[in-house]
Amino acid sequence: MPQPPVSDLHELVRVRYFAGQTLTEADLTAEQDYHRHRARRHNRLLHGVGVVDGLGVRTSGNAVVVSPGMAIDALGEECVVAAECRLVLGARGASTSQFLVLRFQEVLSVPVVAASAESGVQFSRVVEQCSVSLEPLAPLKQDPGLAIARLLWRANKWRVDSRFRRLRVK
């Protein structure tokens, strides 16, 4: 679901309702798309990319812990970590550093049997989530992932790099 870069702005089109209009799936999807594109553009251009609030990072034994918070990714999506998140850290291996990366994701939810037998089971909701992962490299410019911390292998354990400067919104 990558969106066009900021330099590729386009006009937004919204549905115009009128009495007696028959609404279709396409009309309702277009209505949602309008609001979602508008919100992403607003986030991206007026606030920027980075951590909005929270998302503290600490190590605890053999795990890294992320506290609840919110960030805006390069596409303008809101990445929300609603509850404390804990990832188990493996042994160092070949790498002496790891990046903690947030990524917006959508997950289909609430399965229902469609009215048409050919459609089978459909999902009636989309849950907006944020994945948190450990990666050997920071996300590249074309990747909407947002690095919120760098972990370094020091004195036989992983530590949060205090010199890593994560992006913050304007």
C-alpha atoms as a PDB file:
ATOM      1  CA  MET A   1       0.000   0.000   0.000  1.00  0.00           C
ATOM      2  CA  PRO A   2       2.852   2.499  -0.636  1.00  0.00           C
ATOM      3  CA  GLN A   3       1.681   6.031  -1.289  1.00  0.00           C
ATOM      4  CA  PRO A   4       3.188   8.536  -3.723  1.00  0.00           C
ATOM      5  CA  PRO A   5       6.059  10.652  -2.427  1.00  0.00           C
ATOM      6  CA  VAL A   6       5.411  14.207  -1.260  1.00  0.00           C
ATOM      7  CA  SER A   7       6.639  15.554  -4.609  1.00  0.00           C
ATOM      8  CA  ASP A   8       3.899  13.562  -6.348  1.00  0.00           C
ATOM      9  CA  LEU A   9       0.909  15.391  -4.838  1.00  0.00           C
ATOM     10  CA  HIS A  10      -2.445  15.087  -6.528  1.00  0.00           C
ATOM     11  CA  GLU A  11      -5.935  16.494  -6.164  1.00  0.00           C
ATOM     12  CA  LEU A  12      -8.257  14.651  -3.833  1.00  0.00           C
ATOM     13  CA  VAL A  13     -11.698  13.644  -5.023  1.00  0.00           C
ATOM     14  CA  ARG A  14     -14.572  13.093  -2.630  1.00  0.00           C
ATOM     15  CA  VAL A  15     -17.998  11.622  -3.153  1.00  0.00           C
ATOM     16  CA  ARG A  16     -20.855  14.111  -3.577  1.00  0.00           C
ATOM     17  CA  TYR A  17     -24.050  12.675  -2.164  1.00  0.00           C
ATOM     18  CA  PHE A  18     -27.557  13.539  -3.351  1.00  0.00           C
ATOM     19  CA  ALA A  19     -31.088  12.387  -2.498  1.00  0.00           C
ATOM     20  CA  GLY A  20     -32.023   9.136  -4.199  1.00  0.00           C
ATOM     21  CA  GLN A  21     -28.445   8.173  -4.993  1.00  0.00           C
ATOM     22  CA  THR A  22     -27.680   4.464  -4.960  1.00  0.00           C
ATOM     23  CA  LEU A  23     -24.489   3.911  -2.998  1.00  0.00           C
ATOM     24  CA  THR A  24     -22.143   1.161  -4.051  1.00  0.00           C
ATOM     25  CA  GLU A  25     -19.120  -0.485  -2.477  1.00  0.00           C
ATOM     26  CA  ALA A  26     -16.969   1.745  -4.719  1.00  0.00           C
ATOM     27  CA  ASP A  27     -18.657   4.921  -3.382  1.00  0.00           C
ATOM     28  CA  LEU A  28     -18.110   3.926   0.248  1.00  0.00           C
ATOM     29  CA  THR A  29     -14.507   2.916  -0.444  1.00  0.00           C
ATOM     30  CA  ALA A  30     -13.905   6.227  -2.239  1.00  0.00           C
ATOM     31  CA  GLU A  31     -15.261   8.079   0.819  1.00  0.00           C
ATOM     32  CA  GLN A  32     -12.843   6.253   3.121  1.00  0.00           C
ATOM     33  CA  ASP A  33      -9.943   6.717   0.691  1.00  0.00           C
ATOM     34  CA  TYR A  34     -10.568  10.472   0.547  1.00  0.00           C
ATOM     35  CA  HIS A  35     -10.357  10.850   4.337  1.00  0.00           C
ATOM     36  CA  ARG A  36      -7.373   8.510   4.661  1.00  0.00           C
ATOM     37  CA  HIS A  37      -5.369  10.272   1.906  1.00  0.00           C
ATOM     38  CA  ARG A  38      -6.211  13.657   3.386  1.00  0.00           C
ATOM     39  CA  ALA A  39      -5.098  12.582   6.886  1.00  0.00           C
ATOM     40  CA  ARG A  40      -1.844  11.068   5.559  1.00  0.00           C
ATOM     41  CA  ARG A  41      -1.049  14.232   3.592  1.00  0.00           C
ATOM     42  CA  HIS A  42      -1.788  16.360   6.652  1.00  0.00           C
ATOM     43  CA  ASN A  43       0.477  14.223   8.859  1.00  0.00           C
ATOM     44  CA  ARG A  44       3.301  14.086   6.337  1.00  0.00           C
ATOM     45  CA  LEU A  45       3.371  17.741   5.291  1.00  0.00           C
ATOM     46  CA  LEU A  46       2.336  19.570   8.453  1.00  0.00           C
ATOM     47  CA  HIS A  47       3.840  17.374  11.156  1.00  0.00           C
ATOM     48  CA  GLY A  48       6.606  15.422   9.449  1.00  0.00           C
ATOM     49  CA  VAL A  49       8.044  11.997  10.146  1.00  0.00           C
ATOM     50  CA  GLY A  50       9.061  10.641  13.523  1.00  0.00           C
ATOM     51  CA  VAL A  51       7.995   9.989  17.080  1.00  0.00           C
ATOM     52  CA  VAL A  52       5.024  12.020  18.286  1.00  0.00           C
ATOM     53  CA  ASP A  53       4.916  10.823  21.891  1.00  0.00           C
ATOM     54  CA  GLY A  54       6.146   7.956  24.047  1.00  0.00           C
ATOM     55  CA  LEU A  55       7.850   4.924  22.472  1.00  0.00           C
ATOM     56  CA  GLY A  56      10.572   4.754  25.094  1.00  0.00           C
ATOM     57  CA  VAL A  57      13.029   1.901  24.525  1.00  0.00           C
ATOM     58  CA  ARG A  58      14.959  -0.065  27.151  1.00  0.00           C
ATOM     59  CA  THR A  59      16.568  -3.449  27.496  1.00  0.00           C
ATOM     60  CA  SER A  60      15.440  -5.868  30.179  1.00  0.00           C
ATOM     61  CA  GLY A  61      17.422  -9.082  30.508  1.00  0.00           C
ATOM     62  CA  ASN A  62      17.368 -10.764  27.104  1.00  0.00           C
ATOM     63  CA  ALA A  63      14.589  -8.519  25.725  1.00  0.00           C
ATOM     64  CA  VAL A  64      14.034  -5.030  24.404  1.00  0.00           C
ATOM     65  CA  VAL A  65      10.913  -3.249  25.683  1.00  0.00           C
ATOM     66  CA  VAL A  66       9.016  -0.476  23.868  1.00  0.00           C
ATOM     67  CA  SER A  67       6.612   1.639  25.900  1.00  0.00           C
ATOM     68  CA  PRO A  68       3.283   2.774  24.406  1.00  0.00           C
ATOM     69  CA  GLY A  69       3.325   5.755  22.076  1.00  0.00           C
ATOM     70  CA  MET A  70       2.776   7.046  18.567  1.00  0.00           C
ATOM     71  CA  ALA A  71       4.851   7.927  15.524  1.00  0.00           C
ATOM     72  CA  ILE A  72       4.177   9.096  11.972  1.00  0.00           C
ATOM     73  CA  ASP A  73       5.894   7.130   9.218  1.00  0.00           C
ATOM     74  CA  ALA A  74       7.186   8.426   5.865  1.00  0.00           C
ATOM     75  CA  LEU A  75       3.806   7.801   4.237  1.00  0.00           C
ATOM     76  CA  GLY A  76       1.925   9.793   6.880  1.00  0.00           C
ATOM     77  CA  GLU A  77       0.469   6.697   8.546  1.00  0.00           C
ATOM     78  CA  GLU A  78       0.019   6.817  12.311  1.00  0.00           C
ATOM     79  CA  CYS A  79       1.956   3.994  13.975  1.00  0.00           C
ATOM     80  CA  VAL A  80       0.484   3.388  17.414  1.00  0.00           C
ATOM     81  CA  VAL A  81       1.940   1.033  19.992  1.00  0.00           C
ATOM     82  CA  ALA A  82      -1.031   0.726  22.365  1.00  0.00           C
ATOM     83  CA  ALA A  83       0.549  -1.523  25.011  1.00  0.00           C
ATOM     84  CA  GLU A  84       4.072  -2.241  26.123  1.00  0.00           C
ATOM     85  CA  CYS A  85       5.815  -4.387  23.503  1.00  0.00           C
ATOM     86  CA  ARG A  86       8.576  -6.871  24.328  1.00  0.00           C
ATOM     87  CA  LEU A  87      10.902  -8.546  21.799  1.00  0.00           C
ATOM     88  CA  VAL A  88      13.359 -11.259  22.750  1.00  0.00           C
ATOM     89  CA  LEU A  89      16.929 -10.467  21.768  1.00  0.00           C
ATOM     90  CA  GLY A  90      19.000 -13.263  20.332  1.00  0.00           C
ATOM     91  CA  ALA A  91      22.720 -13.773  20.709  1.00  0.00           C
ATOM     92  CA  ARG A  92      24.952 -11.318  18.904  1.00  0.00           C
ATOM     93  CA  GLY A  93      25.707 -13.548  15.937  1.00  0.00           C
ATOM     94  CA  ALA A  94      27.566 -11.697  13.170  1.00  0.00           C
ATOM     95  CA  SER A  95      25.973  -8.328  13.942  1.00  0.00           C
ATOM     96  CA  THR A  96      27.043  -5.850  16.607  1.00  0.00           C
ATOM     97  CA  SER A  97      24.035  -3.579  16.047  1.00  0.00           C
ATOM     98  CA  GLN A  98      20.292  -3.911  15.465  1.00  0.00           C
ATOM     99  CA  PHE A  99      17.652  -1.297  14.662  1.00  0.00           C
ATOM    100  CA  LEU A 100      14.238  -1.298  16.300  1.00  0.00           C
ATOM    101  CA  VAL A 101      11.805  -0.493  13.477  1.00  0.00           C
ATOM    102  CA  LEU A 102       8.092   0.408  13.459  1.00  0.00           C
ATOM    103  CA  ARG A 103       5.929  -0.357  10.440  1.00  0.00           C
ATOM    104  CA  PHE A 104       2.263   0.466   9.872  1.00  0.00           C
ATOM    105  CA  GLN A 105       0.196  -2.546   8.858  1.00  0.00           C
ATOM    106  CA  GLU A 106      -3.415  -3.410   8.237  1.00  0.00           C
ATOM    107  CA  VAL A 107      -4.922  -6.721   9.311  1.00  0.00           C
ATOM    108  CA  LEU A 108      -8.269  -8.001   8.062  1.00  0.00           C
ATOM    109  CA  SER A 109     -10.648  -8.835  10.873  1.00  0.00           C
ATOM    110  CA  VAL A 110     -14.212 -10.007  11.634  1.00  0.00           C
ATOM    111  CA  PRO A 111     -14.872 -12.708   9.048  1.00  0.00           C
ATOM    112  CA  VAL A 112     -18.395 -12.919   7.661  1.00  0.00           C
ATOM    113  CA  VAL A 113     -19.997 -15.145   5.071  1.00  0.00           C
ATOM    114  CA  ALA A 114     -20.666 -13.060   1.979  1.00  0.00           C
ATOM    115  CA  ALA A 115     -24.172 -12.943   0.488  1.00  0.00           C
ATOM    116  CA  SER A 116     -22.810 -14.304  -2.777  1.00  0.00           C
ATOM    117  CA  ALA A 117     -21.677 -17.931  -2.545  1.00  0.00           C
ATOM    118  CA  GLU A 118     -18.796 -17.232  -4.972  1.00  0.00           C
ATOM    119  CA  SER A 119     -17.359 -14.619  -2.599  1.00  0.00           C
ATOM    120  CA  GLY A 120     -17.031 -17.081   0.270  1.00  0.00           C
ATOM    121  CA  VAL A 121     -15.798 -15.592   3.522  1.00  0.00           C
ATOM    122  CA  GLN A 122     -15.014 -11.863   3.539  1.00  0.00           C
ATOM    123  CA  PHE A 123     -13.683  -9.644   6.308  1.00  0.00           C
ATOM    124  CA  SER A 124     -15.805  -6.720   7.467  1.00  0.00           C
ATOM    125  CA  ARG A 125     -13.137  -4.768   9.396  1.00  0.00           C
ATOM    126  CA  VAL A 126      -9.546  -3.645   8.993  1.00  0.00           C
ATOM    127  CA  VAL A 127      -7.447  -3.259  12.131  1.00  0.00           C
ATOM    128  CA  GLU A 128      -4.704  -0.634  11.859  1.00  0.00           C
ATOM    129  CA  GLN A 129      -1.665  -1.907  13.716  1.00  0.00           C
ATOM    130  CA  CYS A 130       2.015  -1.243  14.092  1.00  0.00           C
ATOM    131  CA  SER A 131       4.603  -3.982  13.872  1.00  0.00           C
ATOM    132  CA  VAL A 132       7.810  -3.688  15.886  1.00  0.00           C
ATOM    133  CA  SER A 133      10.827  -5.598  14.612  1.00  0.00           C
ATOM    134  CA  LEU A 134      14.577  -5.879  15.020  1.00  0.00           C
ATOM    135  CA  GLU A 135      16.491  -5.414  11.775  1.00  0.00           C
ATOM    136  CA  PRO A 136      20.198  -5.405  10.937  1.00  0.00           C
ATOM    137  CA  LEU A 137      19.940  -2.211   8.841  1.00  0.00           C
ATOM    138  CA  ALA A 138      18.040   1.049   9.210  1.00  0.00           C
ATOM    139  CA  PRO A 139      15.147   1.397   6.735  1.00  0.00           C
ATOM    140  CA  LEU A 140      16.123   2.886   3.371  1.00  0.00           C
ATOM    141  CA  LYS A 141      14.620   6.133   2.125  1.00  0.00           C
ATOM    142  CA  GLN A 142      11.977   4.391  -0.020  1.00  0.00           C
ATOM    143  CA  ASP A 143      10.992   2.155   2.932  1.00  0.00           C
ATOM    144  CA  PRO A 144       8.287   3.681   5.168  1.00  0.00           C
ATOM    145  CA  GLY A 145       9.641   1.847   8.238  1.00  0.00           C
ATOM    146  CA  LEU A 146      10.752   4.132  11.076  1.00  0.00           C
ATOM    147  CA  ALA A 147      13.809   3.306  13.194  1.00  0.00           C
ATOM    148  CA  ILE A 148      13.154   4.364  16.794  1.00  0.00           C
ATOM    149  CA  ALA A 149      16.325   2.963  18.392  1.00  0.00           C
ATOM    150  CA  ARG A 150      19.633   1.295  17.696  1.00  0.00           C
ATOM    151  CA  LEU A 151      20.842  -1.539  19.913  1.00  0.00           C
ATOM    152  CA  LEU A 152      24.557  -2.189  20.282  1.00  0.00           C
ATOM    153  CA  TRP A 153      26.313  -5.331  21.502  1.00  0.00           C
ATOM    154  CA  ARG A 154      28.605  -4.155  24.318  1.00  0.00           C
ATOM    155  CA  ALA A 155      30.170  -6.100  27.192  1.00  0.00           C
ATOM    156  CA  ASN A 156      28.384  -9.309  26.148  1.00  0.00           C
ATOM    157  CA  LYS A 157      24.857  -7.847  26.140  1.00  0.00           C
ATOM    158  CA  TRP A 158      22.590  -5.654  24.063  1.00  0.00           C
ATOM    159  CA  ARG A 159      22.273  -1.993  25.086  1.00  0.00           C
ATOM    160  CA  VAL A 160      20.241   0.931  23.731  1.00  0.00           C
ATOM    161  CA  ASP A 161      22.583   3.321  21.887  1.00  0.00           C
ATOM    162  CA  SER A 162      22.188   6.685  23.657  1.00  0.00           C
ATOM    163  CA  ARG A 163      23.843   8.461  20.697  1.00  0.00           C
ATOM    164  CA  PHE A 164      21.174   7.326  18.215  1.00  0.00           C
ATOM    165  CA  ARG A 165      18.957  10.291  17.322  1.00  0.00           C
ATOM    166  CA  ARG A 166      15.538   9.170  16.267  1.00  0.00           C
ATOM    167  CA  LEU A 167      13.350  11.395  14.139  1.00  0.00           C
ATOM    168  CA  ARG A 168      10.755  13.470  15.965  1.00  0.00           C
ATOM    169  CA  VAL A 169       7.778  15.247  14.426  1.00  0.00           C
ATOM    170  CA  LYS A 170       8.008  19.018  14.014  1.00  0.00           C
END
